[in-house]
PDB file of all heavy atoms in Angstrom:
ATOM      1  N   GLY A   1       0.782  -1.229   0.000  1.00  0.00           N
ATOM      2  CA  GLY A   1       0.000   0.000   0.000  1.00  0.00           C
ATOM      3  C   GLY A   1       0.809   1.272   0.000  1.00  0.00           C
ATOM      4  O   GLY A   1       0.259   2.368  -0.098  1.00  0.00           O
ATOM      5  N   SER A   2       2.116   1.140   0.123  1.00  0.00           N
ATOM      6  CA  SER A   2       2.974   2.316   0.182  1.00  0.00           C
ATOM      7  C   SER A   2       4.166   2.150  -0.751  1.00  0.00           C
ATOM      8  O   SER A   2       4.787   1.089  -0.779  1.00  0.00           O
ATOM      9  CB  SER A   2       3.475   2.507   1.619  1.00  0.00           C
ATOM     10  OG  SER A   2       4.548   3.429   1.681  1.00  0.00           O
ATOM     11  N   THR A   3       4.453   3.214  -1.497  1.00  0.00           N
ATOM     12  CA  THR A   3       5.682   3.278  -2.268  1.00  0.00           C
ATOM     13  C   THR A   3       6.336   4.633  -2.010  1.00  0.00           C
ATOM     14  O   THR A   3       5.651   5.606  -1.682  1.00  0.00           O
ATOM     15  CB  THR A   3       5.437   3.118  -3.780  1.00  0.00           C
ATOM     16  OG1 THR A   3       4.494   4.111  -4.219  1.00  0.00           O
ATOM     17  CG2 THR A   3       4.900   1.735  -4.113  1.00  0.00           C
ATOM     18  N   ASN A   4       7.633   4.678  -2.157  1.00  0.00           N
ATOM     19  CA  ASN A   4       8.363   5.924  -2.009  1.00  0.00           C
ATOM     20  C   ASN A   4       9.505   5.964  -3.005  1.00  0.00           C
ATOM     21  O   ASN A   4      10.021   4.911  -3.412  1.00  0.00           O
ATOM     22  CB  ASN A   4       8.912   6.081  -0.585  1.00  0.00           C
ATOM     23  CG  ASN A   4       7.978   6.863   0.308  1.00  0.00           C
ATOM     24  OD1 ASN A   4       7.441   7.891  -0.094  1.00  0.00           O
ATOM     25  ND2 ASN A   4       7.761   6.373   1.519  1.00  0.00           N
ATOM     26  N   TYR A   5       9.926   7.188  -3.359  1.00  0.00           N
ATOM     27  CA  TYR A   5      10.969   7.354  -4.360  1.00  0.00           C
ATOM     28  C   TYR A   5      11.883   8.499  -3.959  1.00  0.00           C
ATOM     29  O   TYR A   5      11.450   9.474  -3.339  1.00  0.00           O
ATOM     30  CB  TYR A   5      10.348   7.673  -5.724  1.00  0.00           C
ATOM     31  CG  TYR A   5       9.362   6.627  -6.200  1.00  0.00           C
ATOM     32  CD1 TYR A   5       8.012   6.699  -5.869  1.00  0.00           C
ATOM     33  CD2 TYR A   5       9.793   5.557  -6.985  1.00  0.00           C
ATOM     34  CE1 TYR A   5       7.118   5.733  -6.286  1.00  0.00           C
ATOM     35  CE2 TYR A   5       8.900   4.585  -7.413  1.00  0.00           C
ATOM     36  CZ  TYR A   5       7.565   4.676  -7.057  1.00  0.00           C
ATOM     37  OH  TYR A   5       6.677   3.717  -7.476  1.00  0.00           O
ATOM     38  N   ARG A   6      13.132   8.404  -4.377  1.00  0.00           N
ATOM     39  CA  ARG A   6      13.998   9.565  -4.190  1.00  0.00           C
ATOM     40  C   ARG A   6      13.552  10.640  -5.169  1.00  0.00           C
ATOM     41  O   ARG A   6      12.998  10.342  -6.239  1.00  0.00           O
ATOM     42  CB  ARG A   6      15.468   9.193  -4.386  1.00  0.00           C
ATOM     43  CG  ARG A   6      15.888   8.870  -5.786  1.00  0.00           C
ATOM     44  CD  ARG A   6      17.385   8.527  -5.843  1.00  0.00           C
ATOM     45  NE  ARG A   6      18.228   9.642  -5.468  1.00  0.00           N
ATOM     46  CZ  ARG A   6      18.902   9.730  -4.316  1.00  0.00           C
ATOM     47  NH1 ARG A   6      18.834   8.750  -3.435  1.00  0.00           N
ATOM     48  NH2 ARG A   6      19.655  10.769  -4.049  1.00  0.00           N
ATOM     49  N   ASP A   7      13.815  11.881  -4.818  1.00  0.00           N
ATOM     50  CA  ASP A   7      13.278  12.995  -5.600  1.00  0.00           C
ATOM     51  C   ASP A   7      13.708  12.946  -7.065  1.00  0.00           C
ATOM     52  O   ASP A   7      12.920  13.264  -7.964  1.00  0.00           O
ATOM     53  CB  ASP A   7      13.710  14.323  -4.979  1.00  0.00           C
ATOM     54  CG  ASP A   7      12.958  14.640  -3.697  1.00  0.00           C
ATOM     55  OD1 ASP A   7      11.924  13.986  -3.430  1.00  0.00           O
ATOM     56  OD2 ASP A   7      13.401  15.534  -2.965  1.00  0.00           O
ATOM     57  N   SER A   8      14.926  12.542  -7.321  1.00  0.00           N
ATOM     58  CA  SER A   8      15.461  12.606  -8.689  1.00  0.00           C
ATOM     59  C   SER A   8      14.816  11.590  -9.638  1.00  0.00           C
ATOM     60  O   SER A   8      15.011  11.692 -10.852  1.00  0.00           O
ATOM     61  CB  SER A   8      16.975  12.410  -8.676  1.00  0.00           C
ATOM     62  OG  SER A   8      17.315  11.122  -8.182  1.00  0.00           O
ATOM     63  N   VAL A   9      14.073  10.625  -9.099  1.00  0.00           N
ATOM     64  CA  VAL A   9      13.443   9.630  -9.976  1.00  0.00           C
ATOM     65  C   VAL A   9      11.920   9.720  -9.949  1.00  0.00           C
ATOM     66  O   VAL A   9      11.250   9.001 -10.694  1.00  0.00           O
ATOM     67  CB  VAL A   9      13.885   8.189  -9.636  1.00  0.00           C
ATOM     68  CG1 VAL A   9      15.412   8.094  -9.594  1.00  0.00           C
ATOM     69  CG2 VAL A   9      13.277   7.690  -8.331  1.00  0.00           C
ATOM     70  N   LYS A  10      11.379  10.574  -9.110  1.00  0.00           N
ATOM     71  CA  LYS A  10       9.916  10.698  -9.033  1.00  0.00           C
ATOM     72  C   LYS A  10       9.345  11.108 -10.394  1.00  0.00           C
ATOM     73  O   LYS A  10       9.866  11.993 -11.061  1.00  0.00           O
ATOM     74  CB  LYS A  10       9.536  11.733  -7.970  1.00  0.00           C
ATOM     75  CG  LYS A  10       9.678  11.238  -6.556  1.00  0.00           C
ATOM     76  CD  LYS A  10       9.274  12.308  -5.545  1.00  0.00           C
ATOM     77  CE  LYS A  10       9.434  11.802  -4.122  1.00  0.00           C
ATOM     78  NZ  LYS A  10       9.111  12.846  -3.119  1.00  0.00           N
ATOM     79  N   GLY A  11       8.278  10.432 -10.776  1.00  0.00           N
ATOM     80  CA  GLY A  11       7.662  10.710 -12.062  1.00  0.00           C
ATOM     81  C   GLY A  11       8.294   9.947 -13.213  1.00  0.00           C
ATOM     82  O   GLY A  11       7.736   9.924 -14.319  1.00  0.00           O
ATOM     83  N   ARG A  12       9.462   9.325 -12.968  1.00  0.00           N
ATOM     84  CA  ARG A  12      10.126   8.552 -14.025  1.00  0.00           C
ATOM     85  C   ARG A  12      10.188   7.059 -13.684  1.00  0.00           C
ATOM     86  O   ARG A  12      10.117   6.213 -14.569  1.00  0.00           O
ATOM     87  CB  ARG A  12      11.547   9.063 -14.241  1.00  0.00           C
ATOM     88  CG  ARG A  12      11.629  10.513 -14.674  1.00  0.00           C
ATOM     89  CD  ARG A  12      13.051  10.879 -15.090  1.00  0.00           C
ATOM     90  NE  ARG A  12      14.017  10.761 -13.992  1.00  0.00           N
ATOM     91  CZ  ARG A  12      15.102   9.990 -14.038  1.00  0.00           C
ATOM     92  NH1 ARG A  12      15.371   9.270 -15.121  1.00  0.00           N
ATOM     93  NH2 ARG A  12      15.941   9.951 -12.998  1.00  0.00           N
ATOM     94  N   PHE A  13      10.366   6.739 -12.413  1.00  0.00           N
ATOM     95  CA  PHE A  13      10.492   5.346 -11.970  1.00  0.00           C
ATOM     96  C   PHE A  13       9.221   4.933 -11.229  1.00  0.00           C
ATOM     97  O   PHE A  13       8.610   5.733 -10.515  1.00  0.00           O
ATOM     98  CB  PHE A  13      11.671   5.171 -11.022  1.00  0.00           C
ATOM     99  CG  PHE A  13      13.029   5.306 -11.651  1.00  0.00           C
ATOM    100  CD1 PHE A  13      13.211   5.806 -12.929  1.00  0.00           C
ATOM    101  CD2 PHE A  13      14.165   4.915 -10.939  1.00  0.00           C
ATOM    102  CE1 PHE A  13      14.469   5.921 -13.498  1.00  0.00           C
ATOM    103  CE2 PHE A  13      15.426   5.020 -11.480  1.00  0.00           C
ATOM    104  CZ  PHE A  13      15.574   5.534 -12.763  1.00  0.00           C
ATOM    105  N   THR A  14       8.861   3.663 -11.374  1.00  0.00           N
ATOM    106  CA  THR A  14       7.724   3.103 -10.664  1.00  0.00           C
ATOM    107  C   THR A  14       8.090   1.702 -10.176  1.00  0.00           C
ATOM    108  O   THR A  14       8.572   0.876 -10.965  1.00  0.00           O
ATOM    109  CB  THR A  14       6.479   2.999 -11.567  1.00  0.00           C
ATOM    110  OG1 THR A  14       6.157   4.295 -12.081  1.00  0.00           O
ATOM    111  CG2 THR A  14       5.291   2.464 -10.779  1.00  0.00           C
ATOM    112  N   THR A  15       7.851   1.449  -8.898  1.00  0.00           N
ATOM    113  CA  THR A  15       8.054   0.105  -8.381  1.00  0.00           C
ATOM    114  C   THR A  15       6.708  -0.558  -8.132  1.00  0.00           C
ATOM    115  O   THR A  15       5.757   0.102  -7.710  1.00  0.00           O
ATOM    116  CB  THR A  15       8.921   0.111  -7.105  1.00  0.00           C
ATOM    117  OG1 THR A  15       9.264  -1.234  -6.750  1.00  0.00           O
ATOM    118  CG2 THR A  15       8.223   0.792  -5.941  1.00  0.00           C
ATOM    119  N   SER A  16       6.638  -1.835  -8.436  1.00  0.00           N
ATOM    120  CA  SER A  16       5.403  -2.592  -8.273  1.00  0.00           C
ATOM    121  C   SER A  16       5.777  -4.035  -7.975  1.00  0.00           C
ATOM    122  O   SER A  16       6.963  -4.389  -7.965  1.00  0.00           O
ATOM    123  CB  SER A  16       4.557  -2.499  -9.545  1.00  0.00           C
ATOM    124  OG  SER A  16       5.245  -3.074 -10.644  1.00  0.00           O
ATOM    125  N   ARG A  17       4.774  -4.857  -7.761  1.00  0.00           N
ATOM    126  CA  ARG A  17       5.084  -6.258  -7.481  1.00  0.00           C
ATOM    127  C   ARG A  17       3.985  -7.161  -8.006  1.00  0.00           C
ATOM    128  O   ARG A  17       2.852  -6.736  -8.229  1.00  0.00           O
ATOM    129  CB  ARG A  17       5.275  -6.475  -5.983  1.00  0.00           C
ATOM    130  CG  ARG A  17       3.990  -6.379  -5.173  1.00  0.00           C
ATOM    131  CD  ARG A  17       4.244  -6.493  -3.694  1.00  0.00           C
ATOM    132  NE  ARG A  17       2.995  -6.588  -2.949  1.00  0.00           N
ATOM    133  CZ  ARG A  17       2.919  -6.594  -1.629  1.00  0.00           C
ATOM    134  NH1 ARG A  17       4.024  -6.486  -0.898  1.00  0.00           N
ATOM    135  NH2 ARG A  17       1.745  -6.695  -1.036  1.00  0.00           N
ATOM    136  N   ASP A  18       4.371  -8.406  -8.201  1.00  0.00           N
ATOM    137  CA  ASP A  18       3.444  -9.473  -8.566  1.00  0.00           C
ATOM    138  C   ASP A  18       3.645 -10.573  -7.518  1.00  0.00           C
ATOM    139  O   ASP A  18       4.638 -11.308  -7.578  1.00  0.00           O
ATOM    140  CB  ASP A  18       3.763  -9.978  -9.977  1.00  0.00           C
ATOM    141  CG  ASP A  18       2.777 -11.028 -10.466  1.00  0.00           C
ATOM    142  OD1 ASP A  18       2.162 -11.715  -9.630  1.00  0.00           O
ATOM    143  OD2 ASP A  18       2.637 -11.182 -11.685  1.00  0.00           O
ATOM    144  N   THR A  19       2.734 -10.655  -6.574  1.00  0.00           N
ATOM    145  CA  THR A  19       2.909 -11.619  -5.485  1.00  0.00           C
ATOM    146  C   THR A  19       2.815 -13.064  -5.978  1.00  0.00           C
ATOM    147  O   THR A  19       3.447 -13.950  -5.408  1.00  0.00           O
ATOM    148  CB  THR A  19       1.890 -11.382  -4.360  1.00  0.00           C
ATOM    149  OG1 THR A  19       0.574 -11.393  -4.913  1.00  0.00           O
ATOM    150  CG2 THR A  19       2.147 -10.046  -3.680  1.00  0.00           C
ATOM    151  N   ALA A  20       2.059 -13.286  -7.047  1.00  0.00           N
ATOM    152  CA  ALA A  20       1.959 -14.637  -7.605  1.00  0.00           C
ATOM    153  C   ALA A  20       3.310 -15.108  -8.141  1.00  0.00           C
ATOM    154  O   ALA A  20       3.625 -16.299  -8.106  1.00  0.00           O
ATOM    155  CB  ALA A  20       0.911 -14.684  -8.703  1.00  0.00           C
ATOM    156  N   LYS A  21       4.097 -14.162  -8.637  1.00  0.00           N
ATOM    157  CA  LYS A  21       5.432 -14.491  -9.158  1.00  0.00           C
ATOM    158  C   LYS A  21       6.520 -14.235  -8.123  1.00  0.00           C
ATOM    159  O   LYS A  21       7.703 -14.447  -8.410  1.00  0.00           O
ATOM    160  CB  LYS A  21       5.713 -13.681 -10.417  1.00  0.00           C
ATOM    161  CG  LYS A  21       4.782 -14.023 -11.575  1.00  0.00           C
ATOM    162  CD  LYS A  21       5.136 -13.227 -12.819  1.00  0.00           C
ATOM    163  CE  LYS A  21       4.220 -13.618 -13.983  1.00  0.00           C
ATOM    164  NZ  LYS A  21       4.534 -12.843 -15.207  1.00  0.00           N
ATOM    165  N   ASN A  22       6.099 -13.717  -6.953  1.00  0.00           N
ATOM    166  CA  ASN A  22       7.056 -13.382  -5.892  1.00  0.00           C
ATOM    167  C   ASN A  22       8.175 -12.479  -6.411  1.00  0.00           C
ATOM    168  O   ASN A  22       9.352 -12.674  -6.091  1.00  0.00           O
ATOM    169  CB  ASN A  22       7.641 -14.654  -5.257  1.00  0.00           C
ATOM    170  CG  ASN A  22       7.948 -14.487  -3.788  1.00  0.00           C
ATOM    171  OD1 ASN A  22       7.328 -13.684  -3.094  1.00  0.00           O
ATOM    172  ND2 ASN A  22       8.916 -15.245  -3.301  1.00  0.00           N
ATOM    173  N   THR A  23       7.777 -11.497  -7.186  1.00  0.00           N
ATOM    174  CA  THR A  23       8.721 -10.629  -7.885  1.00  0.00           C
ATOM    175  C   THR A  23       8.326  -9.168  -7.707  1.00  0.00           C
ATOM    176  O   THR A  23       7.140  -8.828  -7.741  1.00  0.00           O
ATOM    177  CB  THR A  23       8.765 -10.974  -9.379  1.00  0.00           C
ATOM    178  OG1 THR A  23       9.189 -12.333  -9.535  1.00  0.00           O
ATOM    179  CG2 THR A  23       9.731 -10.064 -10.127  1.00  0.00           C
ATOM    180  N   VAL A  24       9.328  -8.332  -7.527  1.00  0.00           N
ATOM    181  CA  VAL A  24       9.148  -6.881  -7.473  1.00  0.00           C
ATOM    182  C   VAL A  24       9.831  -6.287  -8.694  1.00  0.00           C
ATOM    183  O   VAL A  24      10.898  -6.764  -9.118  1.00  0.00           O
ATOM    184  CB  VAL A  24       9.726  -6.305  -6.170  1.00  0.00           C
ATOM    185  CG1 VAL A  24       9.674  -4.789  -6.174  1.00  0.00           C
ATOM    186  CG2 VAL A  24       8.959  -6.861  -4.969  1.00  0.00           C
ATOM    187  N   TYR A  25       9.238  -5.247  -9.235  1.00  0.00           N
ATOM    188  CA  TYR A  25       9.742  -4.622 -10.457  1.00  0.00           C
ATOM    189  C   TYR A  25      10.116  -3.163 -10.212  1.00  0.00           C
ATOM    190  O   TYR A  25       9.560  -2.490  -9.338  1.00  0.00           O
ATOM    191  CB  TYR A  25       8.679  -4.677 -11.555  1.00  0.00           C
ATOM    192  CG  TYR A  25       8.210  -6.070 -11.869  1.00  0.00           C
ATOM    193  CD1 TYR A  25       7.017  -6.553 -11.344  1.00  0.00           C
ATOM    194  CD2 TYR A  25       8.960  -6.910 -12.687  1.00  0.00           C
ATOM    195  CE1 TYR A  25       6.577  -7.841 -11.623  1.00  0.00           C
ATOM    196  CE2 TYR A  25       8.538  -8.194 -12.964  1.00  0.00           C
ATOM    197  CZ  TYR A  25       7.339  -8.657 -12.432  1.00  0.00           C
ATOM    198  OH  TYR A  25       6.923  -9.933 -12.709  1.00  0.00           O
ATOM    199  N   LEU A  26      11.045  -2.676 -11.006  1.00  0.00           N
ATOM    200  CA  LEU A  26      11.358  -1.254 -11.052  1.00  0.00           C
ATOM    201  C   LEU A  26      11.310  -0.841 -12.516  1.00  0.00           C
ATOM    202  O   LEU A  26      12.199  -1.189 -13.292  1.00  0.00           O
ATOM    203  CB  LEU A  26      12.735  -0.955 -10.449  1.00  0.00           C
ATOM    204  CG  LEU A  26      13.098   0.534 -10.379  1.00  0.00           C
ATOM    205  CD1 LEU A  26      12.177   1.262  -9.387  1.00  0.00           C
ATOM    206  CD2 LEU A  26      14.560   0.728  -9.970  1.00  0.00           C
ATOM    207  N   GLU A  27      10.253  -0.147 -12.852  1.00  0.00           N
ATOM    208  CA  GLU A  27      10.088   0.364 -14.215  1.00  0.00           C
ATOM    209  C   GLU A  27      10.762   1.726 -14.276  1.00  0.00           C
ATOM    210  O   GLU A  27      10.433   2.625 -13.496  1.00  0.00           O
ATOM    211  CB  GLU A  27       8.598   0.499 -14.532  1.00  0.00           C
ATOM    212  CG  GLU A  27       8.301   0.940 -15.953  1.00  0.00           C
ATOM    213  CD  GLU A  27       8.456  -0.179 -16.967  1.00  0.00           C
ATOM    214  OE1 GLU A  27       8.183  -1.342 -16.607  1.00  0.00           O
ATOM    215  OE2 GLU A  27       8.855   0.112 -18.111  1.00  0.00           O
ATOM    216  N   MET A  28      11.718   1.865 -15.181  1.00  0.00           N
ATOM    217  CA  MET A  28      12.499   3.102 -15.287  1.00  0.00           C
ATOM    218  C   MET A  28      12.283   3.710 -16.656  1.00  0.00           C
ATOM    219  O   MET A  28      12.606   3.085 -17.681  1.00  0.00           O
ATOM    220  CB  MET A  28      13.986   2.803 -15.061  1.00  0.00           C
ATOM    221  CG  MET A  28      14.262   2.082 -13.746  1.00  0.00           C
ATOM    222  SD  MET A  28      16.023   1.857 -13.415  1.00  0.00           S
ATOM    223  CE  MET A  28      16.443   0.745 -14.740  1.00  0.00           C
ATOM    224  N   ASN A  29      11.734   4.898 -16.691  1.00  0.00           N
ATOM    225  CA  ASN A  29      11.458   5.600 -17.943  1.00  0.00           C
ATOM    226  C   ASN A  29      12.245   6.900 -17.997  1.00  0.00           C
ATOM    227  O   ASN A  29      12.708   7.403 -16.974  1.00  0.00           O
ATOM    228  CB  ASN A  29       9.964   5.884 -18.055  1.00  0.00           C
ATOM    229  CG  ASN A  29       9.125   4.612 -18.074  1.00  0.00           C
ATOM    230  OD1 ASN A  29       9.413   3.687 -18.829  1.00  0.00           O
ATOM    231  ND2 ASN A  29       8.090   4.566 -17.246  1.00  0.00           N
ATOM    232  N   ARG A  30      12.362   7.436 -19.191  1.00  0.00           N
ATOM    233  CA  ARG A  30      13.087   8.701 -19.414  1.00  0.00           C
ATOM    234  C   ARG A  30      14.439   8.671 -18.704  1.00  0.00           C
ATOM    235  O   ARG A  30      14.790   9.589 -17.957  1.00  0.00           O
ATOM    236  CB  ARG A  30      12.225   9.873 -18.960  1.00  0.00           C
ATOM    237  CG  ARG A  30      11.012  10.090 -19.852  1.00  0.00           C
ATOM    238  CD  ARG A  30      10.235  11.318 -19.435  1.00  0.00           C
ATOM    239  NE  ARG A  30       9.367  11.060 -18.292  1.00  0.00           N
ATOM    240  CZ  ARG A  30       9.241  11.861 -17.239  1.00  0.00           C
ATOM    241  NH1 ARG A  30       9.945  12.962 -17.156  1.00  0.00           N
ATOM    242  NH2 ARG A  30       8.419  11.552 -16.267  1.00  0.00           N
ATOM    243  N   LEU A  31      15.164   7.635 -18.956  1.00  0.00           N
ATOM    244  CA  LEU A  31      16.447   7.447 -18.280  1.00  0.00           C
ATOM    245  C   LEU A  31      17.458   8.509 -18.683  1.00  0.00           C
ATOM    246  O   LEU A  31      17.461   8.999 -19.825  1.00  0.00           O
ATOM    247  CB  LEU A  31      16.995   6.051 -18.573  1.00  0.00           C
ATOM    248  CG  LEU A  31      16.319   4.938 -17.760  1.00  0.00           C
ATOM    249  CD1 LEU A  31      16.533   3.587 -18.417  1.00  0.00           C
ATOM    250  CD2 LEU A  31      16.853   4.929 -16.336  1.00  0.00           C
ATOM    251  N   LYS A  32      18.303   8.847 -17.726  1.00  0.00           N
ATOM    252  CA  LYS A  32      19.325   9.868 -17.903  1.00  0.00           C
ATOM    253  C   LYS A  32      20.697   9.243 -17.657  1.00  0.00           C
ATOM    254  O   LYS A  32      20.811   8.250 -16.925  1.00  0.00           O
ATOM    255  CB  LYS A  32      19.102  11.003 -16.904  1.00  0.00           C
ATOM    256  CG  LYS A  32      17.723  11.640 -16.965  1.00  0.00           C
ATOM    257  CD  LYS A  32      17.557  12.681 -15.869  1.00  0.00           C
ATOM    258  CE  LYS A  32      16.170  13.310 -15.917  1.00  0.00           C
ATOM    259  NZ  LYS A  32      16.001  14.326 -14.840  1.00  0.00           N
ATOM    260  N   PRO A  33      21.744   9.830 -18.195  1.00  0.00           N
ATOM    261  CA  PRO A  33      23.086   9.300 -17.934  1.00  0.00           C
ATOM    262  C   PRO A  33      23.396   9.199 -16.442  1.00  0.00           C
ATOM    263  O   PRO A  33      24.100   8.267 -16.028  1.00  0.00           O
ATOM    264  CB  PRO A  33      23.999  10.312 -18.631  1.00  0.00           C
ATOM    265  CG  PRO A  33      23.158  10.834 -19.757  1.00  0.00           C
ATOM    266  CD  PRO A  33      21.761  10.906 -19.199  1.00  0.00           C
ATOM    267  N   GLU A  34      22.869  10.099 -15.657  1.00  0.00           N
ATOM    268  CA  GLU A  34      23.134  10.066 -14.209  1.00  0.00           C
ATOM    269  C   GLU A  34      22.416   8.917 -13.500  1.00  0.00           C
ATOM    270  O   GLU A  34      22.630   8.697 -12.296  1.00  0.00           O
ATOM    271  CB  GLU A  34      22.773  11.398 -13.551  1.00  0.00           C
ATOM    272  CG  GLU A  34      21.395  11.905 -13.866  1.00  0.00           C
ATOM    273  CD  GLU A  34      21.389  12.921 -14.991  1.00  0.00           C
ATOM    274  OE1 GLU A  34      22.091  12.697 -16.023  1.00  0.00           O
ATOM    275  OE2 GLU A  34      20.664  13.932 -14.863  1.00  0.00           O
ATOM    276  N   ASP A  35      21.571   8.177 -14.207  1.00  0.00           N
ATOM    277  CA  ASP A  35      20.956   6.986 -13.639  1.00  0.00           C
ATOM    278  C   ASP A  35      21.871   5.764 -13.759  1.00  0.00           C
ATOM    279  O   ASP A  35      21.549   4.696 -13.232  1.00  0.00           O
ATOM    280  CB  ASP A  35      19.624   6.667 -14.329  1.00  0.00           C
ATOM    281  CG  ASP A  35      18.573   7.729 -14.090  1.00  0.00           C
ATOM    282  OD1 ASP A  35      18.458   8.218 -12.948  1.00  0.00           O
ATOM    283  OD2 ASP A  35      17.856   8.074 -15.060  1.00  0.00           O
TER     284      ASP A  35
END
């Protein structure tokens, strides 16, 4: 029910999970060299 992000990735990264697969994901969009 809770997610948090560092300021520099807010709006670009999203973390989610699939409990059936026992897996957590980090979707990273609009990537920058500093990532």
